[in-house]
C-alpha atoms as a PDB file:
ATOM      1  CA  MET A   1      33.285  79.036 124.316  1.00  0.00           C
ATOM      2  CA  LYS A   2      33.332  75.786 122.318  1.00  0.00           C
ATOM      3  CA  ILE A   3      33.392  75.877 118.531  1.00  0.00           C
ATOM      4  CA  PHE A   4      32.917  72.655 116.556  1.00  0.00           C
ATOM      5  CA  LEU A   5      34.348  72.753 113.024  1.00  0.00           C
ATOM      6  CA  HIS A   6      32.446  70.527 110.618  1.00  0.00           C
ATOM      7  CA  GLY A   7      33.202  69.648 107.008  1.00  0.00           C
ATOM      8  CA  ILE A   8      32.712  66.787 104.583  1.00  0.00           C
ATOM      9  CA  GLY A   9      35.467  67.629 102.129  1.00  0.00           C
ATOM     10  CA  PHE A  10      37.294  70.695 100.869  1.00  0.00           C
ATOM     11  CA  SER A  11      40.012  71.181  98.285  1.00  0.00           C
ATOM     12  CA  LYS A  12      43.702  71.585  99.049  1.00  0.00           C
ATOM     13  CA  GLU A  13      43.484  75.143  97.736  1.00  0.00           C
ATOM     14  CA  PHE A  14      41.225  76.032 100.652  1.00  0.00           C
ATOM     15  CA  LEU A  15      43.671  74.728 103.287  1.00  0.00           C
ATOM     16  CA  PRO A  16      45.296  78.155 103.946  1.00  0.00           C
ATOM     17  CA  TYR A  17      41.859  79.554 104.792  1.00  0.00           C
ATOM     18  CA  VAL A  18      41.158  76.656 107.169  1.00  0.00           C
ATOM     19  CA  GLU A  19      44.462  77.348 108.908  1.00  0.00           C
ATOM     20  CA  GLN A  20      43.545  81.036 109.064  1.00  0.00           C
ATOM     21  CA  LEU A  21      40.096  80.211 110.466  1.00  0.00           C
ATOM     22  CA  ILE A  22      41.541  78.067 113.255  1.00  0.00           C
ATOM     23  CA  ALA A  23      44.162  80.699 114.113  1.00  0.00           C
ATOM     24  CA  ILE A  24      41.587  83.506 114.269  1.00  0.00           C
ATOM     25  CA  LEU A  25      39.210  81.466 116.442  1.00  0.00           C
ATOM     26  CA  GLU A  26      41.966  80.613 118.901  1.00  0.00           C
ATOM     27  CA  SER A  27      43.205  84.219 118.966  1.00  0.00           C
ATOM     28  CA  HIS A  28      39.743  85.130 120.286  1.00  0.00           C
ATOM     29  CA  GLN A  29      40.048  82.447 122.992  1.00  0.00           C
ATOM     30  CA  PHE A  30      37.518  80.070 121.439  1.00  0.00           C
ATOM     31  CA  THR A  31      38.140  76.383 122.125  1.00  0.00           C
ATOM     32  CA  VAL A  32      38.186  74.602 118.775  1.00  0.00           C
ATOM     33  CA  PHE A  33      37.106  70.993 118.230  1.00  0.00           C
ATOM     34  CA  PHE A  34      36.982  68.956 115.007  1.00  0.00           C
ATOM     35  CA  THR A  35      34.123  66.678 114.040  1.00  0.00           C
ATOM     36  CA  GLU A  36      35.210  63.286 112.753  1.00  0.00           C
ATOM     37  CA  SER A  37      34.395  64.127 109.131  1.00  0.00           C
ATOM     38  CA  PHE A  38      36.217  67.478 109.356  1.00  0.00           C
ATOM     39  CA  SER A  39      39.284  65.762 110.796  1.00  0.00           C
ATOM     40  CA  LYS A  40      39.299  63.232 107.939  1.00  0.00           C
ATOM     41  CA  SER A  41      39.014  66.025 105.374  1.00  0.00           C
ATOM     42  CA  LEU A  42      41.854  67.947 106.998  1.00  0.00           C
ATOM     43  CA  LYS A  43      44.065  64.882 107.295  1.00  0.00           C
ATOM     44  CA  LYS A  44      44.020  64.461 103.514  1.00  0.00           C
ATOM     45  CA  HIS A  45      45.970  67.705 103.164  1.00  0.00           C
ATOM     46  CA  THR A  46      47.947  68.142 106.407  1.00  0.00           C
ATOM     47  CA  SER A  47      48.693  66.505 109.767  1.00  0.00           C
ATOM     48  CA  LYS A  48      49.470  69.857 111.381  1.00  0.00           C
ATOM     49  CA  PHE A  49      46.459  69.987 113.718  1.00  0.00           C
ATOM     50  CA  GLN A  50      45.814  66.326 114.462  1.00  0.00           C
ATOM     51  CA  SER A  51      47.691  66.138 117.768  1.00  0.00           C
ATOM     52  CA  SER A  52      46.641  69.545 119.101  1.00  0.00           C
ATOM     53  CA  HIS A  53      42.848  69.444 118.587  1.00  0.00           C
ATOM     54  CA  SER A  54      40.267  67.077 120.002  1.00  0.00           C
ATOM     55  CA  ILE A  55      38.093  65.090 117.628  1.00  0.00           C
ATOM     56  CA  VAL A  56      34.454  64.789 118.675  1.00  0.00           C
ATOM     57  CA  SER A  57      31.725  62.415 117.584  1.00  0.00           C
ATOM     58  CA  SER A  58      28.225  63.449 116.572  1.00  0.00           C
ATOM     59  CA  SER A  59      26.970  62.254 119.975  1.00  0.00           C
ATOM     60  CA  GLU A  60      29.033  65.017 121.615  1.00  0.00           C
ATOM     61  CA  ILE A  61      27.557  67.807 119.529  1.00  0.00           C
ATOM     62  CA  SER A  62      25.396  68.969 122.465  1.00  0.00           C
ATOM     63  CA  GLU A  63      28.545  70.422 124.080  1.00  0.00           C
ATOM     64  CA  ALA A  64      29.041  72.956 121.259  1.00  0.00           C
ATOM     65  CA  ASP A  65      28.155  76.631 121.579  1.00  0.00           C
ATOM     66  CA  PHE A  66      28.440  77.085 117.813  1.00  0.00           C
ATOM     67  CA  VAL A  67      28.954  74.747 114.868  1.00  0.00           C
ATOM     68  CA  VAL A  68      31.018  76.164 112.009  1.00  0.00           C
ATOM     69  CA  SER A  69      30.246  74.491 108.689  1.00  0.00           C
ATOM     70  CA  VAL A  70      33.243  74.628 106.331  1.00  0.00           C
ATOM     71  CA  GLY A  71      32.145  73.855 102.776  1.00  0.00           C
ATOM     72  CA  GLY A  72      29.160  74.615 100.587  1.00  0.00           C
ATOM     73  CA  ASP A  73      25.436  74.482 101.177  1.00  0.00           C
ATOM     74  CA  GLY A  74      25.535  70.665 101.198  1.00  0.00           C
ATOM     75  CA  THR A  75      27.940  70.722 104.136  1.00  0.00           C
ATOM     76  CA  LEU A  76      25.678  73.100 106.024  1.00  0.00           C
ATOM     77  CA  LEU A  77      22.687  70.832 105.396  1.00  0.00           C
ATOM     78  CA  ASP A  78      24.732  67.982 106.850  1.00  0.00           C
ATOM     79  CA  ALA A  79      25.478  70.149 109.905  1.00  0.00           C
ATOM     80  CA  VAL A  80      21.739  70.808 110.317  1.00  0.00           C
ATOM     81  CA  SER A  81      21.017  67.067 110.347  1.00  0.00           C
ATOM     82  CA  MET A  82      23.802  66.570 112.900  1.00  0.00           C
ATOM     83  CA  VAL A  83      22.536  69.341 115.216  1.00  0.00           C
ATOM     84  CA  GLY A  84      18.868  68.337 114.923  1.00  0.00           C
ATOM     85  CA  ALA A  85      16.596  69.359 117.779  1.00  0.00           C
ATOM     86  CA  LEU A  86      19.490  70.793 119.830  1.00  0.00           C
ATOM     87  CA  GLU A  87      19.114  74.048 117.853  1.00  0.00           C
ATOM     88  CA  ILE A  88      22.815  74.921 118.187  1.00  0.00           C
ATOM     89  CA  PRO A  89      23.591  78.006 116.036  1.00  0.00           C
ATOM     90  CA  ILE A  90      25.401  77.211 112.785  1.00  0.00           C
ATOM     91  CA  ILE A  91      27.845  79.446 110.906  1.00  0.00           C
ATOM     92  CA  GLY A  92      28.372  78.689 107.216  1.00  0.00           C
ATOM     93  CA  ILE A  93      31.839  79.296 105.747  1.00  0.00           C
ATOM     94  CA  ASN A  94      31.573  79.052 101.975  1.00  0.00           C
ATOM     95  CA  THR A  95      34.366  77.186 100.168  1.00  0.00           C
ATOM     96  CA  GLY A  96      32.326  76.797  97.008  1.00  0.00           C
ATOM     97  CA  ARG A  97      30.837  79.150  94.460  1.00  0.00           C
ATOM     98  CA  LEU A  98      27.056  79.174  94.895  1.00  0.00           C
ATOM     99  CA  GLY A  99      26.099  79.511  98.537  1.00  0.00           C
ATOM    100  CA  PHE A 100      22.650  80.600  99.680  1.00  0.00           C
ATOM    101  CA  LEU A 101      23.187  79.084 103.162  1.00  0.00           C
ATOM    102  CA  ALA A 102      26.962  79.202 103.638  1.00  0.00           C
ATOM    103  CA  THR A 103      27.176  82.962 103.363  1.00  0.00           C
ATOM    104  CA  VAL A 104      30.574  83.834 104.891  1.00  0.00           C
ATOM    105  CA  ALA A 105      33.109  84.221 102.077  1.00  0.00           C
ATOM    106  CA  LYS A 106      36.669  83.067 102.724  1.00  0.00           C
ATOM    107  CA  GLU A 107      37.890  86.634 102.237  1.00  0.00           C
ATOM    108  CA  ASN A 108      35.728  87.779 105.175  1.00  0.00           C
ATOM    109  CA  LEU A 109      36.834  85.220 107.785  1.00  0.00           C
ATOM    110  CA  GLU A 110      38.606  87.662 110.069  1.00  0.00           C
ATOM    111  CA  GLN A 111      35.724  90.125 110.154  1.00  0.00           C
ATOM    112  CA  ALA A 112      33.153  87.361 110.706  1.00  0.00           C
ATOM    113  CA  ILE A 113      34.997  85.803 113.655  1.00  0.00           C
ATOM    114  CA  ASP A 114      35.640  89.238 115.155  1.00  0.00           C
ATOM    115  CA  ASP A 115      31.892  89.942 114.921  1.00  0.00           C
ATOM    116  CA  LEU A 116      31.205  86.564 116.537  1.00  0.00           C
ATOM    117  CA  ALA A 117      33.562  87.330 119.414  1.00  0.00           C
ATOM    118  CA  HIS A 118      31.893  90.703 119.985  1.00  0.00           C
ATOM    119  CA  GLN A 119      28.369  89.285 119.545  1.00  0.00           C
ATOM    120  CA  GLN A 120      27.711  91.408 116.480  1.00  0.00           C
ATOM    121  CA  TYR A 121      25.392  88.974 114.747  1.00  0.00           C
ATOM    122  CA  THR A 122      21.799  87.831 114.501  1.00  0.00           C
ATOM    123  CA  ILE A 123      20.362  84.322 114.532  1.00  0.00           C
ATOM    124  CA  GLU A 124      17.751  83.418 111.943  1.00  0.00           C
ATOM    125  CA  SER A 125      15.332  80.625 112.800  1.00  0.00           C
ATOM    126  CA  ARG A 126      14.644  78.573 109.680  1.00  0.00           C
ATOM    127  CA  THR A 127      11.636  76.258 109.399  1.00  0.00           C
ATOM    128  CA  LEU A 128      12.273  72.545 108.861  1.00  0.00           C
ATOM    129  CA  VAL A 129      10.035  69.986 107.191  1.00  0.00           C
ATOM    130  CA  CYS A 130       9.349  66.697 108.966  1.00  0.00           C
ATOM    131  CA  ILE A 131       8.155  63.525 107.263  1.00  0.00           C
ATOM    132  CA  GLU A 132       6.246  60.781 109.094  1.00  0.00           C
ATOM    133  CA  SER A 133       5.609  57.296 107.772  1.00  0.00           C
ATOM    134  CA  ASN A 134       3.963  54.043 108.804  1.00  0.00           C
ATOM    135  CA  ARG A 135       7.326  52.346 108.191  1.00  0.00           C
ATOM    136  CA  PRO A 136      10.925  53.277 109.131  1.00  0.00           C
ATOM    137  CA  LEU A 137      12.362  55.857 106.783  1.00  0.00           C
ATOM    138  CA  LEU A 138      15.766  57.530 106.243  1.00  0.00           C
ATOM    139  CA  ASN A 139      17.326  55.954 109.337  1.00  0.00           C
ATOM    140  CA  GLY A 140      15.186  58.104 111.616  1.00  0.00           C
ATOM    141  CA  LEU A 141      16.541  61.425 110.281  1.00  0.00           C
ATOM    142  CA  ASN A 142      13.072  62.556 109.258  1.00  0.00           C
ATOM    143  CA  PHE A 143      13.631  66.321 109.036  1.00  0.00           C
ATOM    144  CA  GLY A 144      15.163  68.630 106.436  1.00  0.00           C
ATOM    145  CA  LEU A 145      15.926  72.289 105.910  1.00  0.00           C
ATOM    146  CA  ASN A 146      15.390  72.587 102.153  1.00  0.00           C
ATOM    147  CA  GLU A 147      12.779  70.183 100.828  1.00  0.00           C
ATOM    148  CA  PHE A 148      11.099  66.820 100.774  1.00  0.00           C
ATOM    149  CA  THR A 149      10.906  65.213  97.348  1.00  0.00           C
ATOM    150  CA  ILE A 150       9.047  62.260  95.821  1.00  0.00           C
ATOM    151  CA  HIS A 151      10.545  61.209  92.503  1.00  0.00           C
ATOM    152  CA  LYS A 152      10.332  58.474  89.941  1.00  0.00           C
ATOM    153  CA  ARG A 153      13.214  56.024  89.940  1.00  0.00           C
ATOM    154  CA  ASP A 154      15.861  56.102  87.202  1.00  0.00           C
ATOM    155  CA  THR A 155      14.312  56.150  83.723  1.00  0.00           C
ATOM    156  CA  SER A 156      10.968  54.654  84.687  1.00  0.00           C
ATOM    157  CA  SER A 157       7.693  56.165  83.506  1.00  0.00           C
ATOM    158  CA  MET A 158       6.077  59.049  85.341  1.00  0.00           C
ATOM    159  CA  ILE A 159       4.348  58.550  88.668  1.00  0.00           C
ATOM    160  CA  THR A 160       1.065  59.762  90.126  1.00  0.00           C
ATOM    161  CA  VAL A 161       1.215  61.471  93.506  1.00  0.00           C
ATOM    162  CA  HIS A 162      -2.202  61.898  95.157  1.00  0.00           C
ATOM    163  CA  THR A 163      -1.848  64.878  97.492  1.00  0.00           C
ATOM    164  CA  TYR A 164      -4.055  66.043 100.385  1.00  0.00           C
ATOM    165  CA  ILE A 165      -3.906  69.185 102.529  1.00  0.00           C
ATOM    166  CA  ASN A 166      -5.264  68.705 106.057  1.00  0.00           C
ATOM    167  CA  GLY A 167      -7.237  65.732 104.767  1.00  0.00           C
ATOM    168  CA  GLN A 168      -8.744  67.623 101.818  1.00  0.00           C
ATOM    169  CA  TYR A 169      -7.914  66.419  98.328  1.00  0.00           C
ATOM    170  CA  LEU A 170      -5.635  68.850  96.471  1.00  0.00           C
ATOM    171  CA  ASN A 171      -4.563  67.137  93.265  1.00  0.00           C
ATOM    172  CA  SER A 172      -3.180  64.007  91.644  1.00  0.00           C
ATOM    173  CA  TYR A 173       0.110  65.025  90.099  1.00  0.00           C
ATOM    174  CA  TRP A 174       1.097  63.090  86.984  1.00  0.00           C
ATOM    175  CA  ALA A 175       4.754  63.969  86.893  1.00  0.00           C
ATOM    176  CA  ASP A 176       8.351  62.879  87.312  1.00  0.00           C
ATOM    177  CA  GLY A 177       8.017  63.901  90.939  1.00  0.00           C
ATOM    178  CA  LEU A 178       6.788  66.364  93.535  1.00  0.00           C
ATOM    179  CA  ILE A 179       8.688  68.779  95.784  1.00  0.00           C
ATOM    180  CA  VAL A 180       7.574  70.332  99.060  1.00  0.00           C
ATOM    181  CA  ALA A 181      10.042  73.111  99.846  1.00  0.00           C
ATOM    182  CA  THR A 182      10.508  75.404 102.819  1.00  0.00           C
ATOM    183  CA  PRO A 183      11.218  79.118 102.291  1.00  0.00           C
ATOM    184  CA  THR A 184      14.920  78.251 102.668  1.00  0.00           C
ATOM    185  CA  GLY A 185      14.599  75.528 100.029  1.00  0.00           C
ATOM    186  CA  SER A 186      12.707  77.756  97.606  1.00  0.00           C
ATOM    187  CA  THR A 187      16.055  78.810  96.094  1.00  0.00           C
ATOM    188  CA  GLY A 188      17.002  75.176  95.372  1.00  0.00           C
ATOM    189  CA  TYR A 189      15.384  72.317  93.460  1.00  0.00           C
ATOM    190  CA  SER A 190      11.945  73.934  93.587  1.00  0.00           C
ATOM    191  CA  LEU A 191      13.270  77.072  91.870  1.00  0.00           C
ATOM    192  CA  SER A 192      14.786  75.027  89.053  1.00  0.00           C
ATOM    193  CA  CYS A 193      11.353  73.446  88.482  1.00  0.00           C
ATOM    194  CA  GLY A 194       9.583  76.800  88.209  1.00  0.00           C
ATOM    195  CA  GLY A 195       8.716  77.359  91.877  1.00  0.00           C
ATOM    196  CA  PRO A 196       8.565  80.868  93.403  1.00  0.00           C
ATOM    197  CA  LEU A 197      11.118  82.462  95.689  1.00  0.00           C
ATOM    198  CA  ILE A 198       9.912  82.777  99.287  1.00  0.00           C
ATOM    199  CA  THR A 199      11.661  84.967 101.859  1.00  0.00           C
ATOM    200  CA  PRO A 200      13.047  83.036 104.858  1.00  0.00           C
ATOM    201  CA  GLY A 201      10.626  84.460 107.402  1.00  0.00           C
ATOM    202  CA  ALA A 202       7.487  83.539 105.468  1.00  0.00           C
ATOM    203  CA  LYS A 203       5.349  80.885 107.146  1.00  0.00           C
ATOM    204  CA  ASN A 204       4.700  78.840 104.037  1.00  0.00           C
ATOM    205  CA  PHE A 205       5.618  75.727 102.101  1.00  0.00           C
ATOM    206  CA  VAL A 206       5.567  75.531  98.308  1.00  0.00           C
ATOM    207  CA  ILE A 207       4.421  72.392  96.485  1.00  0.00           C
ATOM    208  CA  THR A 208       6.146  72.187  93.100  1.00  0.00           C
ATOM    209  CA  PRO A 209       5.634  69.422  90.503  1.00  0.00           C
ATOM    210  CA  VAL A 210       8.652  68.075  88.611  1.00  0.00           C
ATOM    211  CA  SER A 211       7.990  67.897  84.850  1.00  0.00           C
ATOM    212  CA  PRO A 212       4.189  67.577  85.173  1.00  0.00           C
ATOM    213  CA  HIS A 213       2.250  65.819  82.408  1.00  0.00           C
ATOM    214  CA  ASN A 214      -0.496  68.470  82.608  1.00  0.00           C
ATOM    215  CA  LEU A 215       1.160  71.757  81.676  1.00  0.00           C
ATOM    216  CA  ASN A 216      -1.534  73.829  83.403  1.00  0.00           C
ATOM    217  CA  VAL A 217      -0.483  72.437  86.812  1.00  0.00           C
ATOM    218  CA  ARG A 218       1.497  75.075  88.683  1.00  0.00           C
ATOM    219  CA  PRO A 219       3.269  75.366  92.049  1.00  0.00           C
ATOM    220  CA  ILE A 220       1.047  76.238  94.988  1.00  0.00           C
ATOM    221  CA  ILE A 221       1.944  77.940  98.269  1.00  0.00           C
ATOM    222  CA  VAL A 222       0.309  76.605 101.441  1.00  0.00           C
ATOM    223  CA  PRO A 223       0.595  77.607 105.133  1.00  0.00           C
ATOM    224  CA  ASP A 224       3.397  75.817 106.971  1.00  0.00           C
ATOM    225  CA  ASP A 225       1.001  74.616 109.666  1.00  0.00           C
ATOM    226  CA  SER A 226      -0.632  72.368 107.045  1.00  0.00           C
ATOM    227  CA  GLU A 227      -0.385  68.586 107.162  1.00  0.00           C
ATOM    228  CA  ILE A 228       0.309  67.254 103.686  1.00  0.00           C
ATOM    229  CA  THR A 229      -0.258  63.573 102.949  1.00  0.00           C
ATOM    230  CA  PHE A 230       0.638  61.565  99.865  1.00  0.00           C
ATOM    231  CA  SER A 231      -0.105  58.257  98.189  1.00  0.00           C
ATOM    232  CA  ILE A 232       1.933  57.193  95.174  1.00  0.00           C
ATOM    233  CA  GLU A 233       1.125  55.127  92.110  1.00  0.00           C
ATOM    234  CA  GLY A 234       3.261  54.133  89.147  1.00  0.00           C
ATOM    235  CA  ARG A 235       4.290  51.329  86.847  1.00  0.00           C
ATOM    236  CA  SER A 236       7.516  50.889  88.776  1.00  0.00           C
ATOM    237  CA  GLU A 237       7.384  49.081  92.120  1.00  0.00           C
ATOM    238  CA  LYS A 238       9.833  51.522  93.705  1.00  0.00           C
ATOM    239  CA  PHE A 239       9.950  55.294  94.063  1.00  0.00           C
ATOM    240  CA  LEU A 240      12.569  57.633  95.490  1.00  0.00           C
ATOM    241  CA  VAL A 241      11.985  59.966  98.419  1.00  0.00           C
ATOM    242  CA  SER A 242      14.546  62.438  99.713  1.00  0.00           C
ATOM    243  CA  LEU A 243      15.063  64.971 102.473  1.00  0.00           C
ATOM    244  CA  ASP A 244      17.738  67.437 101.422  1.00  0.00           C
ATOM    245  CA  SER A 245      20.657  65.216 100.387  1.00  0.00           C
ATOM    246  CA  ARG A 246      19.393  61.978 102.004  1.00  0.00           C
ATOM    247  CA  SER A 247      17.368  59.629  99.828  1.00  0.00           C
ATOM    248  CA  THR A 248      15.957  56.125  99.844  1.00  0.00           C
ATOM    249  CA  ALA A 249      13.717  53.887  97.755  1.00  0.00           C
ATOM    250  CA  ILE A 250      10.191  53.086  98.947  1.00  0.00           C
ATOM    251  CA  ASP A 251       7.145  51.324  97.538  1.00  0.00           C
ATOM    252  CA  ALA A 252       3.435  52.168  97.441  1.00  0.00           C
ATOM    253  CA  SER A 253       2.816  50.625 100.886  1.00  0.00           C
ATOM    254  CA  TYR A 254       4.424  53.646 102.577  1.00  0.00           C
ATOM    255  CA  GLN A 255       1.957  56.163 103.972  1.00  0.00           C
ATOM    256  CA  LEU A 256       3.606  59.588 104.059  1.00  0.00           C
ATOM    257  CA  LYS A 257       2.627  62.686 106.015  1.00  0.00           C
ATOM    258  CA  LEU A 258       4.576  65.930 105.975  1.00  0.00           C
ATOM    259  CA  ARG A 259       4.396  68.738 108.507  1.00  0.00           C
ATOM    260  CA  LYS A 260       6.524  71.473 110.024  1.00  0.00           C
ATOM    261  CA  ALA A 261       9.121  70.161 112.476  1.00  0.00           C
ATOM    262  CA  ASP A 262       8.813  70.987 116.174  1.00  0.00           C
ATOM    263  CA  PHE A 263      12.262  72.628 116.149  1.00  0.00           C
ATOM    264  CA  VAL A 264      14.145  74.981 113.843  1.00  0.00           C
ATOM    265  CA  ALA A 265      17.582  75.412 112.320  1.00  0.00           C
ATOM    266  CA  LYS A 266      19.388  78.443 113.736  1.00  0.00           C
ATOM    267  CA  LEU A 267      21.702  80.124 111.231  1.00  0.00           C
ATOM    268  CA  VAL A 268      24.136  82.843 112.312  1.00  0.00           C
ATOM    269  CA  LYS A 269      24.089  85.935 110.103  1.00  0.00           C
ATOM    270  CA  PHE A 270      26.585  88.769 110.417  1.00  0.00           C
ATOM    271  CA  GLN A 271      26.065  92.496 109.915  1.00  0.00           C
ATOM    272  CA  SER A 272      27.241  92.489 106.305  1.00  0.00           C
ATOM    273  CA  TYR A 273      24.667  89.850 105.293  1.00  0.00           C
ATOM    274  CA  SER A 274      21.575  90.757 103.281  1.00  0.00           C
ATOM    275  CA  TYR A 275      19.191  88.139 101.916  1.00  0.00           C
ATOM    276  CA  PHE A 276      18.257  90.329  98.960  1.00  0.00           C
ATOM    277  CA  ASP A 277      21.902  91.101  98.168  1.00  0.00           C
ATOM    278  CA  THR A 278      22.546  87.358  98.172  1.00  0.00           C
ATOM    279  CA  LEU A 279      19.640  86.750  95.779  1.00  0.00           C
ATOM    280  CA  ARG A 280      20.895  89.379  93.338  1.00  0.00           C
ATOM    281  CA  GLN A 281      24.457  88.079  93.432  1.00  0.00           C
ATOM    282  CA  LYS A 282      23.730  84.349  93.262  1.00  0.00           C
ATOM    283  CA  LEU A 283      21.008  84.622  90.610  1.00  0.00           C
ATOM    284  CA  ASN A 284      22.877  87.280  88.599  1.00  0.00           C
ATOM    285  CA  TRP A 285      19.964  89.681  88.662  1.00  0.00           C
ATOM    286  CA  GLY A 286      20.767  92.801  86.662  1.00  0.00           C
ATOM    287  CA  PHE A 287      23.716  91.199  84.860  1.00  0.00           C
ATOM    288  CA  ASP A 288      22.937  91.680  81.181  1.00  0.00           C
ATOM    289  CA  MET A 289      25.083  92.567  78.186  1.00  0.00           C
ATOM    290  CA  ARG A 290      22.649  95.402  77.477  1.00  0.00           C
ATOM    291  CA  ASN A 291      23.296  97.056  80.875  1.00  0.00           C
END
């Protein structure tokens, strides 16, 4: 079975865990490959594995049985964009502190890989958003796991985002920006702007304004089979749009339509994983000096 290790940077302190991860995978007879970015990250700290492991390009990702993301949630989002419509299952090894997506802690590597070898896991299918435009956008990577965002540029004045659901007028948001988040992305930027938490299996998107001028404007949840279209106005000639961590500047001539992608992101979850446990731990629910 082929395992592709992917990473976009980890600290030297995490190197012993990377070495442990590789050793455990190979002890279970997995064939381990490095993506180019993982190899570059590893090379910064050691040359130990460079001659003994093949380095693969993103065009070879279709050969993988699993992709192991080594890093934080940002690294896993990068792995999702690399996998795309191939729907290869992704395992998230968390080297950071706050991980809603990369849920395998470094202390649990051995148990996680043992569960993988014995097929003691489930695969969650996570909805992706897809953005379509009348002009080329984001180098063709038009899908994202967390959210699509329209935002004002730098310190310019607020923008107006005219928003339509299935062709019906919803609202004109006077704000710093507008977020359309998936259930997965509801724990990210949308949450920090007052959006609700949505469980991963819910078939919804949430539209959340960023610093709205009208304080009575609130986030709204819509079915994920909706088509959401936007037109943007503002004093500035340029606006920012982003999908997860990828962003670019556009102008008012862009016609934008958002919908659910035709494929999903498949995330591997092991027996010890609980979404609600993760929420409580990451959001510090119940942690209070009075308790």
